[in-house]
């Protein structure tokens, strides 16, 4: 996506940076902010051009929800509760977790790895914008498309097919939507870290595949974290993965209410800030190294 935007930022910043007028730096910042917003818009429009592909994605996600629904119904077997989830809560958790994944999922790790392998990362690094921030903006543009044309229609279909119970508390809706955004941020940060690792391992294909399995499993998408063995559940609560799926799903199903919503949101904010540290370190280390395969 960034190749489509090549030249637009340098031209505008060059025109606005001349002279020592007090407002020149402010104008440059405004132009750069506009450029970042354009990355969101361009990615959204690009996804819109291929929206037919996501109709099949809705079908596949609905099938995933169906398989999990009937599996858990067989596991419950009329039981009242399992791992703190009632059968009704588990149904809602499954549906909202898979459809939340439709929003926060992206392939930023693969995009960054490809840029490193084909050498285009060298051009990206000399442009007057932050490469990682550009990737996050592109991921956000994709996420906005996925939210409007994938997650919402998919959730509507899931509600028609399965007994999904929506929250009645406005605080639960507000908390879930805010946490959903942080789920996107944290998942994208993990993807960026995985992608930048290609600077140091040269071929991180295996690492990307392993990361996807780990995130889906340990985030609570496949099995809620409360159902893991006690020792493993305690370890997972010390890792960022629960902040992607399990915590937002717990708020949506009503397992976390009131002040608890602020507490779990605080966990997400903590991991968002903590993951900035390895990203900044990897980004600066990558700029210094700049070993490009094939170029």
Protein backbone atom coordinates (compact mmCIF):
# COMPACT_ATOMS: atom_id res chain seq x y z
CA UNK A 1 0.00 0.00 0.00
CA UNK A 2 2.84 2.33 0.83
CA UNK A 3 4.16 2.04 -2.70
CA UNK A 4 0.94 3.57 -3.99
CA UNK A 5 1.63 6.57 -1.77
CA UNK A 6 5.24 7.05 -2.78
CA UNK A 7 6.22 10.58 -3.51
CA UNK A 8 3.12 12.14 -1.98
CA UNK A 9 4.62 12.75 1.43
CA UNK A 10 8.09 13.92 0.35
CA UNK A 11 6.62 16.47 -2.06
CA UNK A 12 4.28 17.95 0.48
CA UNK A 13 6.80 18.05 3.30
CA UNK A 14 9.41 19.60 1.04
CA UNK A 15 7.04 22.41 0.17
CA UNK A 16 6.16 23.06 3.79
CA UNK A 17 9.58 22.82 5.42
CA UNK A 18 11.28 25.73 3.73
CA UNK A 19 12.16 28.78 5.81
CA UNK A 20 12.21 29.28 9.54
CA UNK A 21 8.64 30.53 10.02
CA UNK A 22 7.18 29.54 13.41
CA UNK A 23 4.26 27.84 11.68
CA UNK A 24 6.33 25.76 9.26
CA UNK A 25 6.90 22.86 11.66
CA UNK A 26 3.24 22.89 12.62
CA UNK A 27 2.22 22.78 8.95
CA UNK A 28 4.62 19.89 8.37
CA UNK A 29 3.07 17.96 11.24
CA UNK A 30 -0.39 18.57 9.85
CA UNK A 31 0.68 17.36 6.41
CA UNK A 32 2.30 14.28 7.90
CA UNK A 33 -0.83 13.55 9.93
CA UNK A 34 -2.86 13.88 6.74
CA UNK A 35 -0.49 11.42 5.08
CA UNK A 36 -1.02 8.85 7.85
CA UNK A 37 -4.79 9.26 7.52
CA UNK A 38 -4.43 8.71 3.77
CA UNK A 39 -2.76 5.37 4.46
CA UNK A 40 -5.89 4.35 6.38
CA UNK A 41 -8.14 5.52 3.55
CA UNK A 42 -6.11 3.83 0.80
CA UNK A 43 -6.04 0.49 2.60
CA UNK A 44 -9.79 0.70 3.28
CA UNK A 45 -10.53 1.41 -0.39
CA UNK A 46 -8.22 -1.38 -1.51
CA UNK A 47 -10.02 -3.85 0.77
CA UNK A 48 -13.32 -2.56 -0.55
CA UNK A 49 -12.27 -3.45 -4.09
CA UNK A 50 -11.88 -7.09 -3.02
CA UNK A 51 -14.89 -7.23 -0.71
CA UNK A 52 -16.37 -10.28 -2.48
CA UNK A 53 -13.61 -12.37 -0.89
CA UNK A 54 -14.95 -11.48 2.54
CA UNK A 55 -18.39 -12.86 1.80
CA UNK A 56 -16.82 -16.32 1.83
CA UNK A 57 -14.95 -15.28 4.98
CA UNK A 58 -18.28 -14.64 6.74
CA UNK A 59 -19.41 -18.13 5.74
CA UNK A 60 -16.19 -19.73 6.99
CA UNK A 61 -16.35 -17.89 10.33
CA UNK A 62 -20.01 -18.88 10.71
CA UNK A 63 -19.01 -22.50 10.15
CA UNK A 64 -16.26 -22.16 12.77
CA UNK A 65 -18.80 -20.80 15.24
CA UNK A 66 -21.19 -23.64 14.39
CA UNK A 67 -18.56 -26.34 14.89
CA UNK A 68 -17.52 -24.86 18.24
CA UNK A 69 -21.13 -24.35 19.31
CA UNK A 70 -22.15 -27.98 18.80
CA UNK A 71 -18.87 -29.21 20.30
CA UNK A 72 -19.38 -27.23 23.47
CA UNK A 73 -23.04 -28.23 23.65
CA UNK A 74 -21.91 -31.87 23.66
CA UNK A 75 -19.28 -31.11 26.32
CA UNK A 76 -21.78 -29.38 28.59
CA UNK A 77 -24.35 -32.15 28.18
CA UNK A 78 -26.94 -30.25 30.18
CA UNK A 79 -24.44 -29.20 32.86
CA UNK A 80 -24.91 -25.87 34.59
CA UNK A 81 -21.44 -24.38 34.40
CA UNK A 82 -17.92 -25.10 33.17
CA UNK A 83 -14.90 -22.96 33.96
CA UNK A 84 -17.16 -20.16 35.14
CA UNK A 85 -19.12 -20.17 31.87
CA UNK A 86 -22.74 -21.22 31.58
CA UNK A 87 -23.75 -22.91 28.33
CA UNK A 88 -25.46 -19.68 27.20
CA UNK A 89 -22.39 -17.60 28.03
CA UNK A 90 -20.14 -20.03 26.18
CA UNK A 91 -22.29 -19.72 23.05
CA UNK A 92 -22.08 -15.93 23.18
CA UNK A 93 -18.35 -16.06 23.95
CA UNK A 94 -17.67 -18.28 20.94
CA UNK A 95 -19.64 -16.06 18.55
CA UNK A 96 -18.22 -12.73 19.72
CA UNK A 97 -14.66 -14.06 19.94
CA UNK A 98 -14.60 -15.32 16.36
CA UNK A 99 -16.25 -12.20 15.02
CA UNK A 100 -13.87 -9.99 17.04
CA UNK A 101 -11.03 -11.89 15.34
CA UNK A 102 -12.56 -10.83 12.03
CA UNK A 103 -11.82 -7.24 13.09
CA UNK A 104 -8.40 -7.43 14.74
CA UNK A 105 -6.81 -9.98 12.39
CA UNK A 106 -4.24 -8.73 9.86
CA UNK A 107 -1.09 -9.85 8.07
CA UNK A 108 1.23 -7.00 9.05
CA UNK A 109 3.92 -9.51 10.00
CA UNK A 110 3.91 -11.02 6.51
CA UNK A 111 3.83 -7.59 4.83
CA UNK A 112 6.84 -6.39 6.83
CA UNK A 113 8.70 -9.64 6.19
CA UNK A 114 8.04 -9.30 2.46
CA UNK A 115 9.32 -5.71 2.45
CA UNK A 116 12.52 -6.91 4.11
CA UNK A 117 13.06 -9.83 1.74
CA UNK A 118 12.46 -7.90 -1.49
CA UNK A 119 14.53 -4.92 -0.35
CA UNK A 120 11.77 -2.31 -0.50
CA UNK A 121 12.25 -1.71 3.23
CA UNK A 122 15.34 0.39 2.37
CA UNK A 123 13.18 2.86 0.42
CA UNK A 124 10.56 2.89 3.19
CA UNK A 125 13.14 3.81 5.80
CA UNK A 126 14.36 6.92 3.98
CA UNK A 127 10.88 8.38 3.53
CA UNK A 128 9.83 11.13 5.94
CA UNK A 129 7.46 8.99 7.96
CA UNK A 130 7.68 6.25 10.56
CA UNK A 131 7.50 2.89 8.81
CA UNK A 132 5.97 1.04 11.77
CA UNK A 133 3.33 3.73 12.25
CA UNK A 134 2.46 3.50 8.55
CA UNK A 135 1.93 -0.24 8.91
CA UNK A 136 -0.30 0.31 11.92
CA UNK A 137 -2.35 2.84 9.96
CA UNK A 138 -2.71 0.40 7.08
CA UNK A 139 -3.77 -2.29 9.54
CA UNK A 140 -6.35 0.11 10.99
CA UNK A 141 -7.76 0.80 7.54
CA UNK A 142 -8.12 -2.94 7.00
CA UNK A 143 -9.65 -3.31 10.46
CA UNK A 144 -12.25 -0.62 9.78
CA UNK A 145 -13.26 -2.46 6.62
CA UNK A 146 -13.41 -5.76 8.47
CA UNK A 147 -15.48 -4.23 11.28
CA UNK A 148 -18.13 -2.78 8.97
CA UNK A 149 -18.33 -5.41 6.24
CA UNK A 150 -17.17 -8.56 8.00
CA UNK A 151 -17.67 -8.47 11.76
CA UNK A 152 -21.07 -6.74 11.94
CA UNK A 153 -22.74 -8.79 9.14
CA UNK A 154 -21.11 -11.95 10.48
CA UNK A 155 -22.37 -11.28 14.00
CA UNK A 156 -25.87 -10.68 12.64
CA UNK A 157 -25.81 -14.04 10.89
CA UNK A 158 -24.48 -15.75 14.03
CA UNK A 159 -27.36 -14.28 16.03
CA UNK A 160 -29.84 -15.72 13.55
CA UNK A 161 -28.28 -19.19 13.64
CA UNK A 162 -27.29 -19.54 17.31
CA UNK A 163 -28.73 -18.41 20.67
CA UNK A 164 -26.37 -15.47 21.17
CA UNK A 165 -27.24 -13.20 24.10
CA UNK A 166 -26.30 -9.55 23.68
CA UNK A 167 -25.39 -7.41 26.72
CA UNK A 168 -28.15 -5.23 28.17
CA UNK A 169 -25.79 -3.00 30.16
CA UNK A 170 -24.55 0.05 28.18
CA UNK A 171 -21.31 -0.07 30.19
CA UNK A 172 -20.65 -3.58 28.85
CA UNK A 173 -21.10 -2.36 25.26
CA UNK A 174 -18.88 0.67 25.80
CA UNK A 175 -16.21 -1.37 27.56
CA UNK A 176 -16.25 -4.08 24.91
CA UNK A 177 -15.90 -1.65 21.99
CA UNK A 178 -12.98 0.14 23.63
CA UNK A 179 -11.35 -3.18 24.47
CA UNK A 180 -11.93 -4.40 20.92
CA UNK A 181 -9.83 -1.50 19.66
CA UNK A 182 -7.05 -2.39 22.09
CA UNK A 183 -7.30 -6.00 20.90
CA UNK A 184 -6.48 -4.72 17.43
CA UNK A 185 -3.57 -2.65 18.75
CA UNK A 186 -2.03 -5.48 20.79
CA UNK A 187 -2.46 -8.08 18.04
CA UNK A 188 -0.95 -5.67 15.51
CA UNK A 189 1.97 -4.96 17.84
CA UNK A 190 2.71 -8.68 18.11
CA UNK A 191 2.54 -8.90 14.31
CA UNK A 192 4.95 -5.98 13.93
CA UNK A 193 7.42 -7.57 16.35
CA UNK A 194 7.20 -10.85 14.43
CA UNK A 195 7.64 -9.07 11.09
CA UNK A 196 10.64 -7.02 12.20
CA UNK A 197 12.33 -10.19 13.41
CA UNK A 198 13.00 -10.98 9.72
CA UNK A 199 15.86 -8.48 9.95
CA UNK A 200 17.70 -10.84 12.26
CA UNK A 201 16.57 -14.36 11.27
CA UNK A 202 16.28 -13.55 7.53
CA UNK A 203 13.47 -16.10 7.04
CA UNK A 204 10.78 -15.92 9.71
CA UNK A 205 8.10 -17.98 7.95
CA UNK A 206 8.11 -20.61 10.69
CA UNK A 207 7.97 -17.92 13.37
CA UNK A 208 4.91 -16.32 11.74
CA UNK A 209 3.06 -19.63 11.59
CA UNK A 210 3.94 -20.43 15.18
CA UNK A 211 2.84 -16.95 16.28
CA UNK A 212 -0.60 -17.40 14.67
CA UNK A 213 -1.18 -20.72 16.44
CA UNK A 214 0.01 -19.33 19.78
CA UNK A 215 -2.19 -16.23 19.53
CA UNK A 216 -5.32 -18.18 18.58
CA UNK A 217 -4.78 -20.78 21.31
CA UNK A 218 -3.45 -18.72 24.20
CA UNK A 219 -5.69 -15.69 23.60
CA UNK A 220 -8.73 -17.80 24.50
CA UNK A 221 -10.18 -17.94 21.00
CA UNK A 222 -10.28 -21.73 20.81
CA UNK A 223 -10.54 -22.51 24.53
CA UNK A 224 -11.31 -19.90 27.21
CA UNK A 225 -8.31 -19.38 29.49
CA UNK A 226 -10.35 -20.30 32.58
CA UNK A 227 -10.60 -23.86 31.22
CA UNK A 228 -6.84 -24.39 31.02
CA UNK A 229 -5.09 -26.25 33.88
CA UNK A 230 -4.52 -24.00 36.87
CA UNK A 231 -0.75 -23.69 36.45
CA UNK A 232 -1.06 -22.87 32.73
CA UNK A 233 -3.92 -20.45 33.29
CA UNK A 234 -1.77 -18.59 35.83
CA UNK A 235 1.07 -18.31 33.32
CA UNK A 236 -1.23 -17.11 30.54
CA UNK A 237 -2.54 -14.35 32.78
CA UNK A 238 1.01 -12.96 32.85
CA UNK A 239 1.20 -12.81 29.03
CA UNK A 240 -0.39 -10.33 26.59
CA UNK A 241 -2.45 -12.89 24.66
CA UNK A 242 -5.45 -12.87 27.04
CA UNK A 243 -5.87 -9.16 26.29
CA UNK A 244 -6.70 -9.96 22.66
CA UNK A 245 -9.73 -12.24 23.01
CA UNK A 246 -10.41 -13.58 26.49
CA UNK A 247 -10.80 -10.29 28.37
CA UNK A 248 -13.07 -8.53 25.81
CA UNK A 249 -15.14 -11.73 25.52
CA UNK A 250 -15.50 -11.89 29.31
CA UNK A 251 -16.86 -8.34 29.35
CA UNK A 252 -19.29 -9.02 26.49
CA UNK A 253 -20.69 -12.15 28.16
CA UNK A 254 -21.17 -10.37 31.49
CA UNK A 255 -18.58 -12.41 33.39
CA UNK A 256 -16.77 -9.14 34.10
CA UNK A 257 -18.95 -6.23 35.18
CA UNK A 258 -18.83 -2.83 36.85
CA UNK A 259 -15.41 -1.82 38.17
CA UNK A 260 -14.01 -5.07 36.78
CA UNK A 261 -14.34 -3.65 33.28
CA UNK A 262 -11.92 -0.87 34.18
CA UNK A 263 -9.53 -3.42 35.68
CA UNK A 264 -9.35 -5.59 32.57
CA UNK A 265 -9.12 -2.49 30.37
CA UNK A 266 -6.15 -1.47 32.50
CA UNK A 267 -4.51 -4.81 31.68
CA UNK A 268 -4.91 -4.09 27.98
CA UNK A 269 -3.46 -0.59 28.33
CA UNK A 270 -0.52 -2.01 30.28
CA UNK A 271 0.31 -4.51 27.53
CA UNK A 272 -0.14 -1.90 24.81
CA UNK A 273 2.46 0.31 26.51
CA UNK A 274 4.75 -2.62 27.36
CA UNK A 275 4.83 -3.90 23.78
CA UNK A 276 5.99 -0.49 22.57
CA UNK A 277 9.38 -1.19 24.16
CA UNK A 278 10.41 -4.17 21.98
CA UNK A 279 8.91 -2.48 18.91
CA UNK A 280 10.99 0.68 19.39
CA UNK A 281 14.12 -1.37 20.13
CA UNK A 282 13.65 -3.65 17.10
CA UNK A 283 12.86 -0.70 14.83
CA UNK A 284 16.02 1.20 15.77
CA UNK A 285 18.13 -1.97 15.65
CA UNK A 286 16.70 -2.74 12.20
CA UNK A 287 17.53 0.74 10.90
CA UNK A 288 21.11 0.34 12.04
CA UNK A 289 21.45 -3.13 10.62
CA UNK A 290 19.48 -2.69 7.36
CA UNK A 291 20.58 -5.99 5.93
CA UNK A 292 18.30 -6.51 2.93
CA UNK A 293 18.03 -9.86 1.26
CA UNK A 294 18.18 -9.71 -2.49
CA UNK A 295 19.16 -6.05 -2.76
